[in-house]
Amino acid sequence: RRLYSAAWGATMNDAAWRAYYDRLREQGRPHVEALLIVARKIIRTMFVLQKNQTSYDAEQAFPQPTA
């Protein structure tokens, strides 16, 4: 439940997380499923940050595709 709330808060307050959520919704994912995918990404991001002892950088979490 807390991860779901964290995912909802991230999509409401951070542009990078909102864009990720919107991209999932455009792919046809239902609202709850998209939030659960965001929650999993939050967990994976937190794990990598803890493992590498680094701080959060949106550029690394959401790399822009190269053309």
PDB file of N, CA and C in Angstrom:
ATOM      1  N   ARG A   1       0.822  -1.186   0.000  1.00  0.00           N
ATOM      2  CA  ARG A   1       0.000   0.000   0.000  1.00  0.00           C
ATOM      3  C   ARG A   1       0.873   1.260   0.000  1.00  0.00           C
ATOM      4  N   ARG A   2       1.968   1.218   0.741  1.00  0.00           N
ATOM      5  CA  ARG A   2       2.845   2.390   0.804  1.00  0.00           C
ATOM      6  C   ARG A   2       3.557   2.629  -0.527  1.00  0.00           C
ATOM      7  N   LEU A   3       3.933   1.561  -1.200  1.00  0.00           N
ATOM      8  CA  LEU A   3       4.573   1.718  -2.499  1.00  0.00           C
ATOM      9  C   LEU A   3       3.594   2.284  -3.520  1.00  0.00           C
ATOM     10  N   TYR A   4       2.366   1.856  -3.447  1.00  0.00           N
ATOM     11  CA  TYR A   4       1.331   2.400  -4.340  1.00  0.00           C
ATOM     12  C   TYR A   4       1.187   3.899  -4.096  1.00  0.00           C
ATOM     13  N   SER A   5       1.167   4.299  -2.832  1.00  0.00           N
ATOM     14  CA  SER A   5       1.068   5.718  -2.500  1.00  0.00           C
ATOM     15  C   SER A   5       2.299   6.480  -2.968  1.00  0.00           C
ATOM     16  N   ALA A   6       3.473   5.873  -2.825  1.00  0.00           N
ATOM     17  CA  ALA A   6       4.704   6.512  -3.290  1.00  0.00           C
ATOM     18  C   ALA A   6       4.674   6.690  -4.804  1.00  0.00           C
ATOM     19  N   ALA A   7       4.173   5.686  -5.511  1.00  0.00           N
ATOM     20  CA  ALA A   7       4.081   5.777  -6.969  1.00  0.00           C
ATOM     21  C   ALA A   7       3.099   6.871  -7.368  1.00  0.00           C
ATOM     22  N   TRP A   8       1.990   6.950  -6.674  1.00  0.00           N
ATOM     23  CA  TRP A   8       0.999   7.988  -6.973  1.00  0.00           C
ATOM     24  C   TRP A   8       1.605   9.365  -6.718  1.00  0.00           C
ATOM     25  N   GLY A   9       2.285   9.523  -5.589  1.00  0.00           N
ATOM     26  CA  GLY A   9       2.917  10.798  -5.273  1.00  0.00           C
ATOM     27  C   GLY A   9       3.991  11.171  -6.280  1.00  0.00           C
ATOM     28  N   ALA A  10       4.772  10.191  -6.715  1.00  0.00           N
ATOM     29  CA  ALA A  10       5.829  10.463  -7.699  1.00  0.00           C
ATOM     30  C   ALA A  10       5.231  10.923  -9.014  1.00  0.00           C
ATOM     31  N   THR A  11       4.150  10.303  -9.443  1.00  0.00           N
ATOM     32  CA  THR A  11       3.544  10.703 -10.710  1.00  0.00           C
ATOM     33  C   THR A  11       2.875  12.064 -10.618  1.00  0.00           C
ATOM     34  N   MET A  12       2.460  12.462  -9.427  1.00  0.00           N
ATOM     35  CA  MET A  12       1.798  13.753  -9.264  1.00  0.00           C
ATOM     36  C   MET A  12       2.788  14.904  -9.096  1.00  0.00           C
ATOM     37  N   ASN A  13       3.996  14.622  -8.588  1.00  0.00           N
ATOM     38  CA  ASN A  13       4.895  15.703  -8.204  1.00  0.00           C
ATOM     39  C   ASN A  13       6.217  15.754  -8.946  1.00  0.00           C
ATOM     40  N   ASP A  14       6.512  14.794  -9.788  1.00  0.00           N
ATOM     41  CA  ASP A  14       7.792  14.786 -10.495  1.00  0.00           C
ATOM     42  C   ASP A  14       7.539  14.587 -11.982  1.00  0.00           C
ATOM     43  N   ALA A  15       8.101  15.465 -12.790  1.00  0.00           N
ATOM     44  CA  ALA A  15       7.827  15.446 -14.224  1.00  0.00           C
ATOM     45  C   ALA A  15       8.333  14.167 -14.897  1.00  0.00           C
ATOM     46  N   ALA A  16       9.492  13.660 -14.486  1.00  0.00           N
ATOM     47  CA  ALA A  16      10.049  12.456 -15.110  1.00  0.00           C
ATOM     48  C   ALA A  16       9.178  11.242 -14.814  1.00  0.00           C
ATOM     49  N   TRP A  17       8.744  11.113 -13.560  1.00  0.00           N
ATOM     50  CA  TRP A  17       7.878   9.983 -13.206  1.00  0.00           C
ATOM     51  C   TRP A  17       6.521  10.115 -13.874  1.00  0.00           C
ATOM     52  N   ARG A  18       6.024  11.339 -14.017  1.00  0.00           N
ATOM     53  CA  ARG A  18       4.736  11.555 -14.684  1.00  0.00           C
ATOM     54  C   ARG A  18       4.815  11.168 -16.158  1.00  0.00           C
ATOM     55  N   ALA A  19       5.918  11.515 -16.796  1.00  0.00           N
ATOM     56  CA  ALA A  19       6.093  11.154 -18.206  1.00  0.00           C
ATOM     57  C   ALA A  19       6.151   9.636 -18.366  1.00  0.00           C
ATOM     58  N   TYR A  20       6.815   8.951 -17.429  1.00  0.00           N
ATOM     59  CA  TYR A  20       6.889   7.490 -17.462  1.00  0.00           C
ATOM     60  C   TYR A  20       5.491   6.891 -17.297  1.00  0.00           C
ATOM     61  N   TYR A  21       4.713   7.410 -16.348  1.00  0.00           N
ATOM     62  CA  TYR A  21       3.342   6.951 -16.134  1.00  0.00           C
ATOM     63  C   TYR A  21       2.485   7.200 -17.381  1.00  0.00           C
ATOM     64  N   ASP A  22       2.594   8.400 -17.956  1.00  0.00           N
ATOM     65  CA  ASP A  22       1.815   8.727 -19.151  1.00  0.00           C
ATOM     66  C   ASP A  22       2.177   7.816 -20.322  1.00  0.00           C
ATOM     67  N   ARG A  23       3.462   7.489 -20.445  1.00  0.00           N
ATOM     68  CA  ARG A  23       3.900   6.583 -21.513  1.00  0.00           C
ATOM     69  C   ARG A  23       3.272   5.195 -21.324  1.00  0.00           C
ATOM     70  N   LEU A  24       3.208   4.729 -20.085  1.00  0.00           N
ATOM     71  CA  LEU A  24       2.574   3.436 -19.802  1.00  0.00           C
ATOM     72  C   LEU A  24       1.085   3.478 -20.139  1.00  0.00           C
ATOM     73  N   ARG A  25       0.423   4.584 -19.802  1.00  0.00           N
ATOM     74  CA  ARG A  25      -1.003   4.715 -20.088  1.00  0.00           C
ATOM     75  C   ARG A  25      -1.254   4.759 -21.598  1.00  0.00           C
ATOM     76  N   GLU A  26      -0.354   5.410 -22.341  1.00  0.00           N
ATOM     77  CA  GLU A  26      -0.501   5.461 -23.797  1.00  0.00           C
ATOM     78  C   GLU A  26      -0.349   4.083 -24.424  1.00  0.00           C
ATOM     79  N   GLN A  27       0.388   3.196 -23.756  1.00  0.00           N
ATOM     80  CA  GLN A  27       0.552   1.831 -24.245  1.00  0.00           C
ATOM     81  C   GLN A  27      -0.678   0.981 -23.955  1.00  0.00           C
ATOM     82  N   GLY A  28      -1.664   1.560 -23.274  1.00  0.00           N
ATOM     83  CA  GLY A  28      -2.895   0.845 -22.998  1.00  0.00           C
ATOM     84  C   GLY A  28      -2.959   0.204 -21.628  1.00  0.00           C
ATOM     85  N   ARG A  29      -2.019   0.527 -20.764  1.00  0.00           N
ATOM     86  CA  ARG A  29      -2.042  -0.032 -19.408  1.00  0.00           C
ATOM     87  C   ARG A  29      -3.127   0.650 -18.580  1.00  0.00           C
ATOM     88  N   PRO A  30      -3.877  -0.116 -17.800  1.00  0.00           N
ATOM     89  CA  PRO A  30      -4.854   0.506 -16.892  1.00  0.00           C
ATOM     90  C   PRO A  30      -4.132   1.313 -15.807  1.00  0.00           C
ATOM     91  N   HIS A  31      -4.858   2.205 -15.165  1.00  0.00           N
ATOM     92  CA  HIS A  31      -4.300   3.099 -14.150  1.00  0.00           C
ATOM     93  C   HIS A  31      -3.555   2.336 -13.055  1.00  0.00           C
ATOM     94  N   VAL A  32      -4.200   1.343 -12.461  1.00  0.00           N
ATOM     95  CA  VAL A  32      -3.590   0.612 -11.347  1.00  0.00           C
ATOM     96  C   VAL A  32      -2.350  -0.139 -11.813  1.00  0.00           C
ATOM     97  N   GLU A  33      -2.408  -0.763 -12.958  1.00  0.00           N
ATOM     98  CA  GLU A  33      -1.256  -1.496 -13.478  1.00  0.00           C
ATOM     99  C   GLU A  33      -0.087  -0.552 -13.734  1.00  0.00           C
ATOM    100  N   ALA A  34      -0.363   0.622 -14.304  1.00  0.00           N
ATOM    101  CA  ALA A  34       0.691   1.594 -14.553  1.00  0.00           C
ATOM    102  C   ALA A  34       1.328   2.055 -13.243  1.00  0.00           C
ATOM    103  N   LEU A  35       0.511   2.279 -12.222  1.00  0.00           N
ATOM    104  CA  LEU A  35       1.071   2.685 -10.929  1.00  0.00           C
ATOM    105  C   LEU A  35       1.911   1.577 -10.307  1.00  0.00           C
ATOM    106  N   LEU A  36       1.509   0.328 -10.472  1.00  0.00           N
ATOM    107  CA  LEU A  36       2.301  -0.777  -9.935  1.00  0.00           C
ATOM    108  C   LEU A  36       3.639  -0.898 -10.667  1.00  0.00           C
ATOM    109  N   ILE A  37       3.649  -0.638 -11.954  1.00  0.00           N
ATOM    110  CA  ILE A  37       4.901  -0.646 -12.715  1.00  0.00           C
ATOM    111  C   ILE A  37       5.807   0.489 -12.231  1.00  0.00           C
ATOM    112  N   VAL A  38       5.220   1.654 -11.973  1.00  0.00           N
ATOM    113  CA  VAL A  38       5.989   2.778 -11.427  1.00  0.00           C
ATOM    114  C   VAL A  38       6.545   2.409 -10.055  1.00  0.00           C
ATOM    115  N   ALA A  39       5.741   1.750  -9.221  1.00  0.00           N
ATOM    116  CA  ALA A  39       6.199   1.345  -7.891  1.00  0.00           C
ATOM    117  C   ALA A  39       7.381   0.385  -7.994  1.00  0.00           C
ATOM    118  N   ARG A  40       7.320  -0.551  -8.940  1.00  0.00           N
ATOM    119  CA  ARG A  40       8.451  -1.474  -9.121  1.00  0.00           C
ATOM    120  C   ARG A  40       9.699  -0.729  -9.553  1.00  0.00           C
ATOM    121  N   LYS A  41       9.523   0.273 -10.414  1.00  0.00           N
ATOM    122  CA  LYS A  41      10.684   1.054 -10.855  1.00  0.00           C
ATOM    123  C   LYS A  41      11.261   1.856  -9.691  1.00  0.00           C
ATOM    124  N   ILE A  42      10.412   2.350  -8.811  1.00  0.00           N
ATOM    125  CA  ILE A  42      10.899   3.046  -7.619  1.00  0.00           C
ATOM    126  C   ILE A  42      11.762   2.103  -6.780  1.00  0.00           C
ATOM    127  N   ILE A  43      11.293   0.865  -6.589  1.00  0.00           N
ATOM    128  CA  ILE A  43      12.052  -0.122  -5.806  1.00  0.00           C
ATOM    129  C   ILE A  43      13.390  -0.412  -6.465  1.00  0.00           C
ATOM    130  N   ARG A  44      13.388  -0.637  -7.779  1.00  0.00           N
ATOM    131  CA  ARG A  44      14.642  -0.927  -8.483  1.00  0.00           C
ATOM    132  C   ARG A  44      15.596   0.252  -8.400  1.00  0.00           C
ATOM    133  N   THR A  45      15.062   1.465  -8.531  1.00  0.00           N
ATOM    134  CA  THR A  45      15.890   2.662  -8.457  1.00  0.00           C
ATOM    135  C   THR A  45      16.486   2.808  -7.061  1.00  0.00           C
ATOM    136  N   MET A  46      15.684   2.590  -6.030  1.00  0.00           N
ATOM    137  CA  MET A  46      16.185   2.681  -4.656  1.00  0.00           C
ATOM    138  C   MET A  46      17.270   1.645  -4.403  1.00  0.00           C
ATOM    139  N   PHE A  47      17.105   0.434  -4.921  1.00  0.00           N
ATOM    140  CA  PHE A  47      18.103  -0.615  -4.737  1.00  0.00           C
ATOM    141  C   PHE A  47      19.434  -0.215  -5.355  1.00  0.00           C
ATOM    142  N   VAL A  48      19.401   0.284  -6.589  1.00  0.00           N
ATOM    143  CA  VAL A  48      20.638   0.680  -7.273  1.00  0.00           C
ATOM    144  C   VAL A  48      21.298   1.848  -6.552  1.00  0.00           C
ATOM    145  N   LEU A  49      20.507   2.811  -6.098  1.00  0.00           N
ATOM    146  CA  LEU A  49      21.076   3.947  -5.369  1.00  0.00           C
ATOM    147  C   LEU A  49      21.762   3.491  -4.084  1.00  0.00           C
ATOM    148  N   GLN A  50      21.124   2.572  -3.373  1.00  0.00           N
ATOM    149  CA  GLN A  50      21.713   2.062  -2.131  1.00  0.00           C
ATOM    150  C   GLN A  50      22.956   1.234  -2.418  1.00  0.00           C
ATOM    151  N   LYS A  51      22.890   0.392  -3.428  1.00  0.00           N
ATOM    152  CA  LYS A  51      24.019  -0.478  -3.758  1.00  0.00           C
ATOM    153  C   LYS A  51      25.244   0.328  -4.178  1.00  0.00           C
ATOM    154  N   ASN A  52      25.027   1.363  -4.977  1.00  0.00           N
ATOM    155  CA  ASN A  52      26.133   2.164  -5.492  1.00  0.00           C
ATOM    156  C   ASN A  52      26.472   3.367  -4.616  1.00  0.00           C
ATOM    157  N   GLN A  53      25.702   3.571  -3.542  1.00  0.00           N
ATOM    158  CA  GLN A  53      25.907   4.707  -2.647  1.00  0.00           C
ATOM    159  C   GLN A  53      25.941   6.026  -3.423  1.00  0.00           C
ATOM    160  N   THR A  54      24.942   6.225  -4.279  1.00  0.00           N
ATOM    161  CA  THR A  54      24.848   7.435  -5.081  1.00  0.00           C
ATOM    162  C   THR A  54      23.539   8.145  -4.769  1.00  0.00           C
ATOM    163  N   SER A  55      23.402   9.344  -5.282  1.00  0.00           N
ATOM    164  CA  SER A  55      22.161  10.088  -5.112  1.00  0.00           C
ATOM    165  C   SER A  55      21.329   9.983  -6.388  1.00  0.00           C
ATOM    166  N   TYR A  56      20.058  10.305  -6.258  1.00  0.00           N
ATOM    167  CA  TYR A  56      19.110  10.179  -7.364  1.00  0.00           C
ATOM    168  C   TYR A  56      19.426  11.183  -8.455  1.00  0.00           C
ATOM    169  N   ASP A  57      19.409  10.710  -9.685  1.00  0.00           N
ATOM    170  CA  ASP A  57      19.582  11.560 -10.863  1.00  0.00           C
ATOM    171  C   ASP A  57      18.558  11.115 -11.896  1.00  0.00           C
ATOM    172  N   ALA A  58      17.628  11.995 -12.226  1.00  0.00           N
ATOM    173  CA  ALA A  58      16.557  11.652 -13.164  1.00  0.00           C
ATOM    174  C   ALA A  58      17.105  11.297 -14.541  1.00  0.00           C
ATOM    175  N   GLU A  59      18.235  11.869 -14.922  1.00  0.00           N
ATOM    176  CA  GLU A  59      18.843  11.568 -16.217  1.00  0.00           C
ATOM    177  C   GLU A  59      19.271  10.098 -16.308  1.00  0.00           C
ATOM    178  N   GLN A  60      19.721   9.535 -15.191  1.00  0.00           N
ATOM    179  CA  GLN A  60      20.111   8.126 -15.179  1.00  0.00           C
ATOM    180  C   GLN A  60      18.907   7.212 -15.039  1.00  0.00           C
ATOM    181  N   ALA A  61      17.918   7.630 -14.268  1.00  0.00           N
ATOM    182  CA  ALA A  61      16.728   6.801 -14.060  1.00  0.00           C
ATOM    183  C   ALA A  61      15.873   6.728 -15.330  1.00  0.00           C
ATOM    184  N   PHE A  62      15.855   7.811 -16.100  1.00  0.00           N
ATOM    185  CA  PHE A  62      15.049   7.887 -17.318  1.00  0.00           C
ATOM    186  C   PHE A  62      15.919   8.391 -18.450  1.00  0.00           C
ATOM    187  N   PRO A  63      16.818   7.553 -18.965  1.00  0.00           N
ATOM    188  CA  PRO A  63      17.698   8.020 -20.058  1.00  0.00           C
ATOM    189  C   PRO A  63      16.889   8.318 -21.310  1.00  0.00           C
ATOM    190  N   GLN A  64      17.283   9.353 -21.999  1.00  0.00           N
ATOM    191  CA  GLN A  64      16.636   9.735 -23.252  1.00  0.00           C
ATOM    192  C   GLN A  64      17.169   8.847 -24.371  1.00  0.00           C
ATOM    193  N   PRO A  65      16.269   8.312 -25.206  1.00  0.00           N
ATOM    194  CA  PRO A  65      16.740   7.477 -26.321  1.00  0.00           C
ATOM    195  C   PRO A  65      17.533   8.311 -27.311  1.00  0.00           C
ATOM    196  N   THR A  66      18.593   7.710 -27.833  1.00  0.00           N
ATOM    197  CA  THR A  66      19.400   8.400 -28.820  1.00  0.00           C
ATOM    198  C   THR A  66      18.849   8.125 -30.210  1.00  0.00           C
ATOM    199  N   ALA A  67      18.846   9.137 -31.028  1.00  0.00           N
ATOM    200  CA  ALA A  67      18.253   9.006 -32.365  1.00  0.00           C
ATOM    201  C   ALA A  67      19.239   8.475 -33.370  1.00  0.00           C
TER     202      ALA A  67
END
